Amino acid sequence: MKNSEREIMLIAQEECAEVTQAISKVFRFGFAGEYNGRTNKERLEEEIGDLMCMLRMMAERNLIDWEVVDLAASIKKIKLQKWSTINDND
């Protein structure tokens, strides 16, 4: 693995952790909760954007294949329809 590819993967890993933290803040304080003038929703969107950037960079370097990722996402959605309550009326 090239150093640049390794760095992309490491930064993507960090961004995953930051998305996890942002989601945790939403659970604890709600989407509208604020810290330093920004809502938890805004922070979550920013962190997801940062992660998307890294995913796009991974695809540009052929570290991942979007067709394979899209297929995996479709399979996951089918599994969620079967095994989760996401589609149930709240």
N, C-alpha and C. Protein backbone atom coordinates (compact mmCIF):
# COMPACT_ATOMS: atom_id res chain seq x y z
N MET A 1 0.84 -1.17 0.00
CA MET A 1 0.00 0.00 0.00
C MET A 1 0.90 1.24 0.00
N LYS A 2 0.56 2.18 -0.87
CA LYS A 2 1.31 3.43 -0.94
C LYS A 2 1.03 4.28 0.30
N ASN A 3 1.97 5.17 0.61
CA ASN A 3 1.79 6.05 1.77
C ASN A 3 0.54 6.90 1.64
N SER A 4 0.25 7.41 0.43
CA SER A 4 -0.93 8.24 0.24
C SER A 4 -2.21 7.43 0.45
N GLU A 5 -2.22 6.18 0.02
CA GLU A 5 -3.38 5.32 0.23
C GLU A 5 -3.57 5.02 1.72
N ARG A 6 -2.47 4.79 2.38
CA ARG A 6 -2.52 4.54 3.83
C ARG A 6 -3.08 5.76 4.56
N GLU A 7 -2.64 6.94 4.16
CA GLU A 7 -3.12 8.16 4.80
C GLU A 7 -4.62 8.35 4.55
N ILE A 8 -5.07 8.08 3.34
CA ILE A 8 -6.50 8.18 3.04
C ILE A 8 -7.29 7.23 3.94
N MET A 9 -6.81 6.01 4.08
CA MET A 9 -7.49 5.03 4.92
C MET A 9 -7.49 5.46 6.38
N LEU A 10 -6.38 5.98 6.87
CA LEU A 10 -6.31 6.43 8.26
C LEU A 10 -7.25 7.60 8.52
N ILE A 11 -7.28 8.55 7.61
CA ILE A 11 -8.18 9.69 7.78
C ILE A 11 -9.63 9.24 7.70
N ALA A 12 -9.94 8.30 6.81
CA ALA A 12 -11.30 7.76 6.72
C ALA A 12 -11.69 7.10 8.05
N GLN A 13 -10.75 6.39 8.64
CA GLN A 13 -11.00 5.75 9.93
C GLN A 13 -11.31 6.80 11.00
N GLU A 14 -10.55 7.87 11.02
CA GLU A 14 -10.79 8.96 11.96
C GLU A 14 -12.16 9.59 11.73
N GLU A 15 -12.51 9.77 10.46
CA GLU A 15 -13.81 10.37 10.14
C GLU A 15 -14.96 9.48 10.58
N CYS A 16 -14.79 8.15 10.47
CA CYS A 16 -15.82 7.23 10.96
C CYS A 16 -16.04 7.43 12.46
N ALA A 17 -14.95 7.59 13.20
CA ALA A 17 -15.05 7.82 14.64
C ALA A 17 -15.76 9.14 14.93
N GLU A 18 -15.49 10.16 14.13
CA GLU A 18 -16.11 11.46 14.34
C GLU A 18 -17.60 11.42 14.01
N VAL A 19 -18.00 10.63 13.00
CA VAL A 19 -19.43 10.44 12.71
C VAL A 19 -20.08 9.73 13.90
N THR A 20 -19.42 8.73 14.43
CA THR A 20 -19.93 8.01 15.59
C THR A 20 -20.15 8.96 16.77
N GLN A 21 -19.19 9.83 17.01
CA GLN A 21 -19.31 10.79 18.11
C GLN A 21 -20.46 11.77 17.86
N ALA A 22 -20.60 12.24 16.64
CA ALA A 22 -21.68 13.17 16.31
C ALA A 22 -23.04 12.51 16.50
N ILE A 23 -23.18 11.25 16.12
CA ILE A 23 -24.43 10.53 16.33
C ILE A 23 -24.71 10.39 17.82
N SER A 24 -23.68 10.10 18.59
CA SER A 24 -23.83 9.99 20.03
C SER A 24 -24.36 11.28 20.64
N LYS A 25 -23.87 12.42 20.18
CA LYS A 25 -24.34 13.72 20.67
C LYS A 25 -25.82 13.93 20.32
N VAL A 26 -26.24 13.48 19.14
CA VAL A 26 -27.64 13.58 18.77
C VAL A 26 -28.49 12.75 19.73
N PHE A 27 -28.05 11.55 20.05
CA PHE A 27 -28.80 10.71 20.98
C PHE A 27 -28.89 11.35 22.36
N ARG A 28 -27.82 11.94 22.81
CA ARG A 28 -27.79 12.52 24.15
C ARG A 28 -28.53 13.85 24.25
N PHE A 29 -28.41 14.69 23.23
CA PHE A 29 -28.89 16.07 23.34
C PHE A 29 -29.87 16.48 22.24
N GLY A 30 -30.18 15.57 21.31
CA GLY A 30 -31.12 15.86 20.24
C GLY A 30 -30.46 16.59 19.07
N PHE A 31 -31.16 16.59 17.95
CA PHE A 31 -30.64 17.26 16.75
C PHE A 31 -30.47 18.76 16.98
N ALA A 32 -31.37 19.35 17.74
CA ALA A 32 -31.35 20.80 17.93
C ALA A 32 -30.39 21.25 19.02
N GLY A 33 -29.84 20.30 19.79
CA GLY A 33 -28.89 20.67 20.83
C GLY A 33 -27.73 21.45 20.23
N GLU A 34 -27.27 22.46 20.94
CA GLU A 34 -26.21 23.33 20.42
C GLU A 34 -24.97 23.30 21.29
N TYR A 35 -23.85 23.49 20.63
CA TYR A 35 -22.56 23.63 21.30
C TYR A 35 -21.73 24.58 20.46
N ASN A 36 -21.23 25.62 21.06
CA ASN A 36 -20.43 26.63 20.36
C ASN A 36 -21.13 27.18 19.12
N GLY A 37 -22.45 27.39 19.23
CA GLY A 37 -23.19 28.04 18.16
C GLY A 37 -23.57 27.16 16.98
N ARG A 38 -23.35 25.85 17.11
CA ARG A 38 -23.71 24.92 16.02
C ARG A 38 -24.56 23.80 16.59
N THR A 39 -25.57 23.41 15.83
CA THR A 39 -26.44 22.34 16.29
C THR A 39 -25.77 20.98 16.07
N ASN A 40 -26.28 19.99 16.79
CA ASN A 40 -25.78 18.63 16.60
C ASN A 40 -26.07 18.13 15.19
N LYS A 41 -27.18 18.57 14.61
CA LYS A 41 -27.49 18.19 13.22
C LYS A 41 -26.42 18.75 12.27
N GLU A 42 -26.07 20.01 12.46
CA GLU A 42 -25.03 20.63 11.61
C GLU A 42 -23.70 19.91 11.76
N ARG A 43 -23.36 19.55 12.98
CA ARG A 43 -22.10 18.83 13.21
C ARG A 43 -22.12 17.45 12.56
N LEU A 44 -23.27 16.77 12.67
CA LEU A 44 -23.41 15.45 12.05
C LEU A 44 -23.26 15.56 10.54
N GLU A 45 -23.92 16.54 9.95
CA GLU A 45 -23.83 16.72 8.49
C GLU A 45 -22.40 17.02 8.06
N GLU A 46 -21.70 17.83 8.83
CA GLU A 46 -20.32 18.14 8.49
C GLU A 46 -19.44 16.89 8.56
N GLU A 47 -19.61 16.11 9.61
CA GLU A 47 -18.79 14.91 9.77
C GLU A 47 -19.10 13.88 8.68
N ILE A 48 -20.38 13.74 8.31
CA ILE A 48 -20.73 12.82 7.22
C ILE A 48 -20.13 13.33 5.91
N GLY A 49 -20.13 14.64 5.71
CA GLY A 49 -19.49 15.21 4.52
C GLY A 49 -18.01 14.91 4.48
N ASP A 50 -17.35 15.04 5.63
CA ASP A 50 -15.92 14.72 5.70
C ASP A 50 -15.67 13.25 5.36
N LEU A 51 -16.52 12.38 5.88
CA LEU A 51 -16.39 10.95 5.57
C LEU A 51 -16.65 10.69 4.09
N MET A 52 -17.67 11.33 3.53
CA MET A 52 -17.95 11.16 2.10
C MET A 52 -16.75 11.57 1.25
N CYS A 53 -16.09 12.64 1.65
CA CYS A 53 -14.89 13.07 0.93
C CYS A 53 -13.85 11.96 0.91
N MET A 54 -13.63 11.34 2.05
CA MET A 54 -12.63 10.28 2.12
C MET A 54 -13.06 9.05 1.31
N LEU A 55 -14.36 8.74 1.33
CA LEU A 55 -14.84 7.62 0.54
C LEU A 55 -14.64 7.89 -0.95
N ARG A 56 -14.92 9.11 -1.36
CA ARG A 56 -14.69 9.47 -2.77
C ARG A 56 -13.22 9.37 -3.13
N MET A 57 -12.34 9.80 -2.23
CA MET A 57 -10.90 9.69 -2.48
C MET A 57 -10.48 8.22 -2.59
N MET A 58 -11.08 7.37 -1.75
CA MET A 58 -10.79 5.94 -1.83
C MET A 58 -11.20 5.39 -3.19
N ALA A 59 -12.36 5.81 -3.69
CA ALA A 59 -12.83 5.35 -5.00
C ALA A 59 -11.94 5.88 -6.11
N GLU A 60 -11.51 7.14 -6.01
CA GLU A 60 -10.63 7.72 -7.02
C GLU A 60 -9.31 6.95 -7.13
N ARG A 61 -8.85 6.40 -6.02
CA ARG A 61 -7.60 5.62 -6.01
C ARG A 61 -7.85 4.14 -6.23
N ASN A 62 -9.09 3.78 -6.55
CA ASN A 62 -9.48 2.39 -6.77
C ASN A 62 -9.25 1.51 -5.54
N LEU A 63 -9.35 2.11 -4.37
CA LEU A 63 -9.29 1.34 -3.13
C LEU A 63 -10.64 0.69 -2.85
N ILE A 64 -11.70 1.30 -3.35
CA ILE A 64 -13.04 0.72 -3.29
C ILE A 64 -13.69 0.89 -4.65
N ASP A 65 -14.68 0.08 -4.93
CA ASP A 65 -15.41 0.11 -6.19
C ASP A 65 -16.85 0.49 -5.86
N TRP A 66 -17.33 1.65 -6.39
CA TRP A 66 -18.68 2.11 -6.07
C TRP A 66 -19.75 1.10 -6.45
N GLU A 67 -19.55 0.34 -7.52
CA GLU A 67 -20.55 -0.67 -7.90
C GLU A 67 -20.69 -1.73 -6.82
N VAL A 68 -19.57 -2.15 -6.27
CA VAL A 68 -19.59 -3.15 -5.19
C VAL A 68 -20.22 -2.55 -3.94
N VAL A 69 -19.87 -1.29 -3.64
CA VAL A 69 -20.43 -0.60 -2.48
C VAL A 69 -21.95 -0.45 -2.63
N ASP A 70 -22.40 -0.05 -3.81
CA ASP A 70 -23.84 0.11 -4.06
C ASP A 70 -24.58 -1.23 -3.91
N LEU A 71 -23.97 -2.30 -4.41
CA LEU A 71 -24.58 -3.62 -4.26
C LEU A 71 -24.69 -3.99 -2.79
N ALA A 72 -23.62 -3.77 -2.04
CA ALA A 72 -23.64 -4.06 -0.60
C ALA A 72 -24.71 -3.25 0.11
N ALA A 73 -24.87 -1.99 -0.28
CA ALA A 73 -25.89 -1.13 0.32
C ALA A 73 -27.28 -1.66 0.01
N SER A 74 -27.51 -2.12 -1.20
CA SER A 74 -28.81 -2.68 -1.57
C SER A 74 -29.12 -3.94 -0.77
N ILE A 75 -28.12 -4.77 -0.60
CA ILE A 75 -28.30 -6.00 0.18
C ILE A 75 -28.60 -5.66 1.63
N LYS A 76 -27.90 -4.68 2.17
CA LYS A 76 -28.14 -4.25 3.56
C LYS A 76 -29.56 -3.73 3.73
N LYS A 77 -30.05 -2.97 2.77
CA LYS A 77 -31.41 -2.43 2.87
C LYS A 77 -32.43 -3.56 2.93
N ILE A 78 -32.23 -4.59 2.13
CA ILE A 78 -33.13 -5.74 2.14
C ILE A 78 -33.09 -6.43 3.51
N LYS A 79 -31.89 -6.59 4.05
CA LYS A 79 -31.76 -7.20 5.38
C LYS A 79 -32.47 -6.37 6.44
N LEU A 80 -32.33 -5.05 6.36
CA LEU A 80 -32.96 -4.17 7.34
C LEU A 80 -34.48 -4.26 7.25
N GLN A 81 -35.01 -4.41 6.04
CA GLN A 81 -36.46 -4.55 5.88
C GLN A 81 -36.95 -5.81 6.57
N LYS A 82 -36.11 -6.82 6.59
CA LYS A 82 -36.50 -8.08 7.19
C LYS A 82 -36.25 -8.12 8.70
N TRP A 83 -35.10 -7.59 9.14
CA TRP A 83 -34.65 -7.82 10.51
C TRP A 83 -34.71 -6.59 11.42
N SER A 84 -35.16 -5.45 10.93
CA SER A 84 -35.21 -4.27 11.80
C SER A 84 -36.64 -3.71 11.85
N THR A 85 -36.82 -2.74 12.68
CA THR A 85 -38.13 -2.10 12.81
C THR A 85 -38.13 -0.73 12.12
N ILE A 86 -37.15 -0.46 11.28
CA ILE A 86 -37.00 0.86 10.64
C ILE A 86 -38.26 1.23 9.86
N ASN A 87 -38.87 0.30 9.19
CA ASN A 87 -40.02 0.59 8.36
C ASN A 87 -41.35 0.50 9.10
N ASP A 88 -41.31 0.15 10.39
CA ASP A 88 -42.54 0.09 11.18
C ASP A 88 -42.99 1.52 11.49
N ASN A 89 -44.27 1.69 11.64
CA ASN A 89 -44.79 3.01 12.04
C ASN A 89 -44.45 3.24 13.50
N ASP A 90 -43.91 4.41 13.77
CA ASP A 90 -43.56 4.74 15.17
C ASP A 90 -44.81 5.07 15.88
